[in-house]
Amino acid sequence: MQKLIQNPEKYRIGKNYNSSNVVFPVHFEGSNYIVKHARVLGDVIDAYYCIQDFCFYGNKAFSLSKTRLEREVMCLDQLVGTHAPKLVAHGSKVIVREYLEGTNFRDL
């Protein structure tokens, strides 16, 4: 799994999903997974959404891409695949999740 974390692009099997992060499917050692890592401009995107939210609701707090990925790892680890994809592996800047078949939320 370390090879996948170090070079996920090598195992890519599809295009990026629409997301503020880089999220795409991969095929590694006979199984499909979803890889997620922060965009280079992820912190700028988050700042934009924070400013937008501040003008209307004031609920969103600014956070760095690394912090958001760490929070997602913690949540997926606690959920253990209950109503969420299972956490397969993670590195400091990459999350590897279980690949779930079906229609994604944006297409619904």
N, C-alpha and C. Protein backbone atom coordinates (compact mmCIF):
# COMPACT_ATOMS: atom_id res chain seq x y z
N MET A 1 0.82 -1.19 0.00
CA MET A 1 0.00 0.00 0.00
C MET A 1 0.87 1.26 0.00
N GLN A 2 2.08 1.13 0.52
CA GLN A 2 2.99 2.28 0.55
C GLN A 2 3.32 2.78 -0.85
N LYS A 3 3.43 1.87 -1.83
CA LYS A 3 3.69 2.28 -3.22
C LYS A 3 2.55 3.14 -3.74
N LEU A 4 1.32 2.78 -3.40
CA LEU A 4 0.16 3.56 -3.83
C LEU A 4 0.17 4.94 -3.19
N ILE A 5 0.46 5.02 -1.92
CA ILE A 5 0.49 6.31 -1.22
C ILE A 5 1.58 7.21 -1.80
N GLN A 6 2.72 6.64 -2.13
CA GLN A 6 3.84 7.44 -2.64
C GLN A 6 3.63 7.92 -4.07
N ASN A 7 2.93 7.14 -4.90
CA ASN A 7 2.74 7.52 -6.30
C ASN A 7 1.34 7.10 -6.79
N PRO A 8 0.28 7.75 -6.31
CA PRO A 8 -1.06 7.34 -6.70
C PRO A 8 -1.36 7.53 -8.18
N GLU A 9 -0.73 8.50 -8.82
CA GLU A 9 -0.97 8.76 -10.25
C GLU A 9 -0.61 7.55 -11.11
N LYS A 10 0.33 6.77 -10.67
CA LYS A 10 0.77 5.59 -11.42
C LYS A 10 -0.36 4.56 -11.54
N TYR A 11 -1.28 4.55 -10.59
CA TYR A 11 -2.34 3.56 -10.54
C TYR A 11 -3.71 4.12 -10.91
N ARG A 12 -3.76 5.34 -11.39
CA ARG A 12 -5.02 6.01 -11.73
C ARG A 12 -5.77 5.23 -12.81
N ILE A 13 -7.10 5.12 -12.65
CA ILE A 13 -7.93 4.46 -13.66
C ILE A 13 -9.09 5.34 -14.12
N GLY A 14 -9.14 6.57 -13.68
CA GLY A 14 -10.24 7.44 -14.07
C GLY A 14 -9.90 8.89 -13.83
N LYS A 15 -10.78 9.75 -14.29
CA LYS A 15 -10.54 11.18 -14.14
C LYS A 15 -10.89 11.64 -12.72
N ASN A 16 -10.51 12.86 -12.40
CA ASN A 16 -10.82 13.45 -11.10
C ASN A 16 -12.33 13.61 -10.94
N TYR A 17 -12.80 13.40 -9.72
CA TYR A 17 -14.17 13.74 -9.39
C TYR A 17 -14.23 15.24 -9.16
N ASN A 18 -15.39 15.83 -9.27
CA ASN A 18 -15.55 17.26 -8.97
C ASN A 18 -15.45 17.45 -7.47
N SER A 19 -14.41 18.13 -7.03
CA SER A 19 -14.18 18.29 -5.60
C SER A 19 -13.18 19.42 -5.38
N SER A 20 -13.16 19.97 -4.19
CA SER A 20 -12.15 20.98 -3.87
C SER A 20 -10.80 20.33 -3.59
N ASN A 21 -10.78 19.00 -3.49
CA ASN A 21 -9.55 18.23 -3.37
C ASN A 21 -9.33 17.45 -4.67
N VAL A 22 -8.20 16.81 -4.81
CA VAL A 22 -7.96 15.93 -5.94
C VAL A 22 -8.41 14.54 -5.50
N VAL A 23 -9.45 14.02 -6.15
CA VAL A 23 -10.04 12.73 -5.78
C VAL A 23 -10.23 11.92 -7.06
N PHE A 24 -9.68 10.71 -7.09
CA PHE A 24 -9.79 9.89 -8.29
C PHE A 24 -9.68 8.41 -7.96
N PRO A 25 -10.21 7.55 -8.84
CA PRO A 25 -10.13 6.11 -8.62
C PRO A 25 -8.78 5.55 -9.07
N VAL A 26 -8.33 4.51 -8.38
CA VAL A 26 -7.09 3.83 -8.74
C VAL A 26 -7.32 2.32 -8.69
N HIS A 27 -6.45 1.57 -9.38
CA HIS A 27 -6.46 0.10 -9.32
C HIS A 27 -5.08 -0.32 -8.82
N PHE A 28 -5.06 -0.98 -7.67
CA PHE A 28 -3.80 -1.36 -7.05
C PHE A 28 -3.91 -2.79 -6.52
N GLU A 29 -3.00 -3.65 -6.96
CA GLU A 29 -2.92 -5.04 -6.52
C GLU A 29 -4.27 -5.75 -6.57
N GLY A 30 -4.97 -5.59 -7.70
CA GLY A 30 -6.21 -6.32 -7.92
C GLY A 30 -7.47 -5.70 -7.36
N SER A 31 -7.37 -4.56 -6.69
CA SER A 31 -8.56 -3.93 -6.10
C SER A 31 -8.63 -2.46 -6.50
N ASN A 32 -9.85 -1.92 -6.51
CA ASN A 32 -10.05 -0.50 -6.77
C ASN A 32 -10.17 0.26 -5.46
N TYR A 33 -9.63 1.47 -5.45
CA TYR A 33 -9.68 2.35 -4.29
C TYR A 33 -9.94 3.77 -4.77
N ILE A 34 -10.23 4.65 -3.83
CA ILE A 34 -10.34 6.08 -4.11
C ILE A 34 -9.20 6.76 -3.37
N VAL A 35 -8.46 7.59 -4.09
CA VAL A 35 -7.35 8.35 -3.51
C VAL A 35 -7.78 9.81 -3.41
N LYS A 36 -7.44 10.43 -2.31
CA LYS A 36 -7.76 11.84 -2.10
C LYS A 36 -6.54 12.55 -1.55
N HIS A 37 -6.20 13.68 -2.17
CA HIS A 37 -5.17 14.54 -1.61
C HIS A 37 -5.54 15.98 -1.89
N ALA A 38 -4.97 16.88 -1.15
CA ALA A 38 -5.32 18.30 -1.26
C ALA A 38 -4.81 18.89 -2.56
N ARG A 39 -5.58 19.79 -3.11
CA ARG A 39 -5.11 20.56 -4.27
C ARG A 39 -4.03 21.53 -3.81
N VAL A 40 -3.21 21.96 -4.74
CA VAL A 40 -2.18 22.95 -4.44
C VAL A 40 -2.83 24.22 -3.91
N LEU A 41 -3.96 24.61 -4.49
CA LEU A 41 -4.65 25.83 -4.08
C LEU A 41 -5.78 25.54 -3.08
N GLY A 42 -5.74 24.39 -2.43
CA GLY A 42 -6.80 24.01 -1.50
C GLY A 42 -7.03 25.00 -0.38
N ASP A 43 -5.96 25.56 0.17
CA ASP A 43 -6.10 26.53 1.25
C ASP A 43 -6.74 27.82 0.76
N VAL A 44 -6.45 28.20 -0.48
CA VAL A 44 -7.07 29.40 -1.07
C VAL A 44 -8.56 29.15 -1.29
N ILE A 45 -8.91 27.97 -1.78
CA ILE A 45 -10.32 27.62 -2.00
C ILE A 45 -11.06 27.66 -0.67
N ASP A 46 -10.46 27.10 0.39
CA ASP A 46 -11.11 27.10 1.70
C ASP A 46 -11.29 28.53 2.21
N ALA A 47 -10.31 29.38 2.01
CA ALA A 47 -10.43 30.78 2.44
C ALA A 47 -11.59 31.45 1.72
N TYR A 48 -11.75 31.19 0.43
CA TYR A 48 -12.85 31.76 -0.34
C TYR A 48 -14.19 31.33 0.26
N TYR A 49 -14.35 30.03 0.55
CA TYR A 49 -15.60 29.54 1.12
C TYR A 49 -15.85 30.11 2.52
N CYS A 50 -14.79 30.31 3.29
CA CYS A 50 -14.93 30.92 4.62
C CYS A 50 -15.43 32.36 4.52
N ILE A 51 -14.87 33.11 3.60
CA ILE A 51 -15.30 34.50 3.41
C ILE A 51 -16.75 34.53 2.93
N GLN A 52 -17.08 33.67 2.00
CA GLN A 52 -18.45 33.60 1.49
C GLN A 52 -19.41 33.24 2.62
N ASP A 53 -19.06 32.26 3.43
CA ASP A 53 -19.91 31.84 4.54
C ASP A 53 -20.04 32.95 5.58
N PHE A 54 -18.95 33.65 5.84
CA PHE A 54 -18.97 34.74 6.82
C PHE A 54 -19.99 35.81 6.44
N CYS A 55 -20.11 36.08 5.15
CA CYS A 55 -21.04 37.11 4.67
C CYS A 55 -22.50 36.70 4.86
N PHE A 56 -22.78 35.40 4.92
CA PHE A 56 -24.16 34.95 4.99
C PHE A 56 -24.53 34.25 6.29
N TYR A 57 -23.66 33.36 6.77
CA TYR A 57 -24.02 32.54 7.92
C TYR A 57 -23.06 32.68 9.10
N GLY A 58 -21.77 32.73 8.82
CA GLY A 58 -20.78 32.84 9.89
C GLY A 58 -20.51 31.56 10.63
N ASN A 59 -20.70 30.41 9.98
CA ASN A 59 -20.52 29.12 10.65
C ASN A 59 -19.17 28.46 10.36
N LYS A 60 -18.60 28.69 9.20
CA LYS A 60 -17.41 27.97 8.75
C LYS A 60 -16.14 28.61 9.28
N ALA A 61 -15.27 27.79 9.83
CA ALA A 61 -13.98 28.27 10.32
C ALA A 61 -12.89 27.88 9.32
N PHE A 62 -11.91 28.73 9.14
CA PHE A 62 -10.81 28.45 8.22
C PHE A 62 -9.97 27.30 8.75
N SER A 63 -9.56 26.41 7.85
CA SER A 63 -8.65 25.33 8.21
C SER A 63 -7.74 25.05 7.03
N LEU A 64 -6.60 24.49 7.32
CA LEU A 64 -5.64 24.14 6.28
C LEU A 64 -5.98 22.78 5.68
N SER A 65 -5.53 22.56 4.46
CA SER A 65 -5.79 21.29 3.77
C SER A 65 -5.32 20.10 4.59
N LYS A 66 -4.15 20.20 5.17
CA LYS A 66 -3.60 19.11 5.96
C LYS A 66 -4.50 18.81 7.17
N THR A 67 -5.02 19.84 7.81
CA THR A 67 -5.90 19.67 8.96
C THR A 67 -7.20 18.99 8.56
N ARG A 68 -7.75 19.38 7.40
CA ARG A 68 -9.00 18.77 6.93
C ARG A 68 -8.79 17.29 6.62
N LEU A 69 -7.65 16.95 5.99
CA LEU A 69 -7.37 15.54 5.70
C LEU A 69 -7.19 14.74 6.99
N GLU A 70 -6.53 15.31 7.97
CA GLU A 70 -6.34 14.63 9.25
C GLU A 70 -7.69 14.38 9.94
N ARG A 71 -8.59 15.37 9.85
CA ARG A 71 -9.92 15.23 10.45
C ARG A 71 -10.72 14.13 9.73
N GLU A 72 -10.59 14.07 8.41
CA GLU A 72 -11.28 13.02 7.66
C GLU A 72 -10.74 11.64 8.02
N VAL A 73 -9.44 11.51 8.17
CA VAL A 73 -8.84 10.23 8.59
C VAL A 73 -9.41 9.82 9.94
N MET A 74 -9.48 10.75 10.88
CA MET A 74 -9.99 10.45 12.21
C MET A 74 -11.46 9.99 12.14
N CYS A 75 -12.28 10.70 11.36
CA CYS A 75 -13.70 10.34 11.24
C CYS A 75 -13.88 8.98 10.57
N LEU A 76 -13.19 8.75 9.46
CA LEU A 76 -13.32 7.46 8.77
C LEU A 76 -12.82 6.31 9.64
N ASP A 77 -11.78 6.57 10.40
CA ASP A 77 -11.25 5.54 11.29
C ASP A 77 -12.28 5.18 12.36
N GLN A 78 -12.98 6.16 12.89
CA GLN A 78 -13.99 5.90 13.91
C GLN A 78 -15.24 5.23 13.34
N LEU A 79 -15.60 5.57 12.10
CA LEU A 79 -16.80 5.00 11.48
C LEU A 79 -16.62 3.55 11.03
N VAL A 80 -15.40 3.13 10.77
CA VAL A 80 -15.06 1.77 10.39
C VAL A 80 -15.99 1.23 9.29
N GLY A 81 -16.27 2.06 8.30
CA GLY A 81 -17.08 1.63 7.17
C GLY A 81 -18.58 1.65 7.39
N THR A 82 -19.05 2.15 8.52
CA THR A 82 -20.48 2.25 8.79
C THR A 82 -21.01 3.52 8.13
N HIS A 83 -21.78 3.36 7.08
CA HIS A 83 -22.37 4.47 6.32
C HIS A 83 -21.31 5.40 5.74
N ALA A 84 -20.15 4.89 5.50
CA ALA A 84 -19.05 5.66 4.91
C ALA A 84 -18.04 4.67 4.35
N PRO A 85 -17.24 5.09 3.37
CA PRO A 85 -16.20 4.17 2.87
C PRO A 85 -15.17 3.87 3.96
N LYS A 86 -14.64 2.67 3.93
CA LYS A 86 -13.62 2.29 4.90
C LYS A 86 -12.30 2.99 4.57
N LEU A 87 -11.60 3.38 5.59
CA LEU A 87 -10.26 3.93 5.45
C LEU A 87 -9.31 2.76 5.23
N VAL A 88 -8.60 2.77 4.11
CA VAL A 88 -7.70 1.67 3.78
C VAL A 88 -6.29 2.00 4.24
N ALA A 89 -5.84 3.22 3.94
CA ALA A 89 -4.49 3.66 4.32
C ALA A 89 -4.44 5.17 4.23
N HIS A 90 -3.42 5.74 4.82
CA HIS A 90 -3.22 7.18 4.70
C HIS A 90 -1.78 7.53 4.96
N GLY A 91 -1.38 8.64 4.37
CA GLY A 91 -0.07 9.21 4.60
C GLY A 91 -0.27 10.63 5.10
N SER A 92 0.77 11.41 5.12
CA SER A 92 0.65 12.78 5.64
C SER A 92 -0.20 13.66 4.74
N LYS A 93 -0.27 13.35 3.44
CA LYS A 93 -1.03 14.20 2.53
C LYS A 93 -1.98 13.42 1.63
N VAL A 94 -2.14 12.11 1.88
CA VAL A 94 -2.94 11.25 1.00
C VAL A 94 -3.84 10.34 1.84
N ILE A 95 -5.09 10.19 1.38
CA ILE A 95 -6.02 9.25 1.99
C ILE A 95 -6.40 8.23 0.92
N VAL A 96 -6.41 6.96 1.29
CA VAL A 96 -6.87 5.89 0.40
C VAL A 96 -8.10 5.28 1.07
N ARG A 97 -9.23 5.35 0.33
CA ARG A 97 -10.49 4.85 0.85
C ARG A 97 -10.99 3.69 0.01
N GLU A 98 -11.89 2.94 0.57
CA GLU A 98 -12.58 1.86 -0.13
C GLU A 98 -13.34 2.44 -1.32
N TYR A 99 -13.34 1.70 -2.43
CA TYR A 99 -14.11 2.10 -3.61
C TYR A 99 -15.51 1.52 -3.48
N LEU A 100 -16.51 2.38 -3.55
CA LEU A 100 -17.90 1.92 -3.46
C LEU A 100 -18.55 2.04 -4.83
N GLU A 101 -19.15 0.96 -5.30
CA GLU A 101 -19.86 0.96 -6.57
C GLU A 101 -21.15 1.76 -6.44
N GLY A 102 -21.56 2.38 -7.52
CA GLY A 102 -22.85 3.07 -7.53
C GLY A 102 -22.75 4.49 -8.04
N THR A 103 -23.86 5.17 -8.01
CA THR A 103 -23.95 6.55 -8.49
C THR A 103 -23.47 7.49 -7.39
N ASN A 104 -22.64 8.47 -7.76
CA ASN A 104 -22.16 9.42 -6.75
C ASN A 104 -23.24 10.46 -6.48
N PHE A 105 -23.10 11.19 -5.38
CA PHE A 105 -24.10 12.17 -4.96
C PHE A 105 -24.33 13.26 -5.99
N ARG A 106 -23.29 13.72 -6.64
CA ARG A 106 -23.45 14.80 -7.63
C ARG A 106 -24.30 14.36 -8.81
N ASP A 107 -24.23 13.08 -9.18
CA ASP A 107 -25.03 12.60 -10.31
C ASP A 107 -26.48 12.33 -9.93
N LEU A 108 -26.75 12.21 -8.65
CA LEU A 108 -28.13 12.00 -8.21
C LEU A 108 -28.88 13.29 -8.35
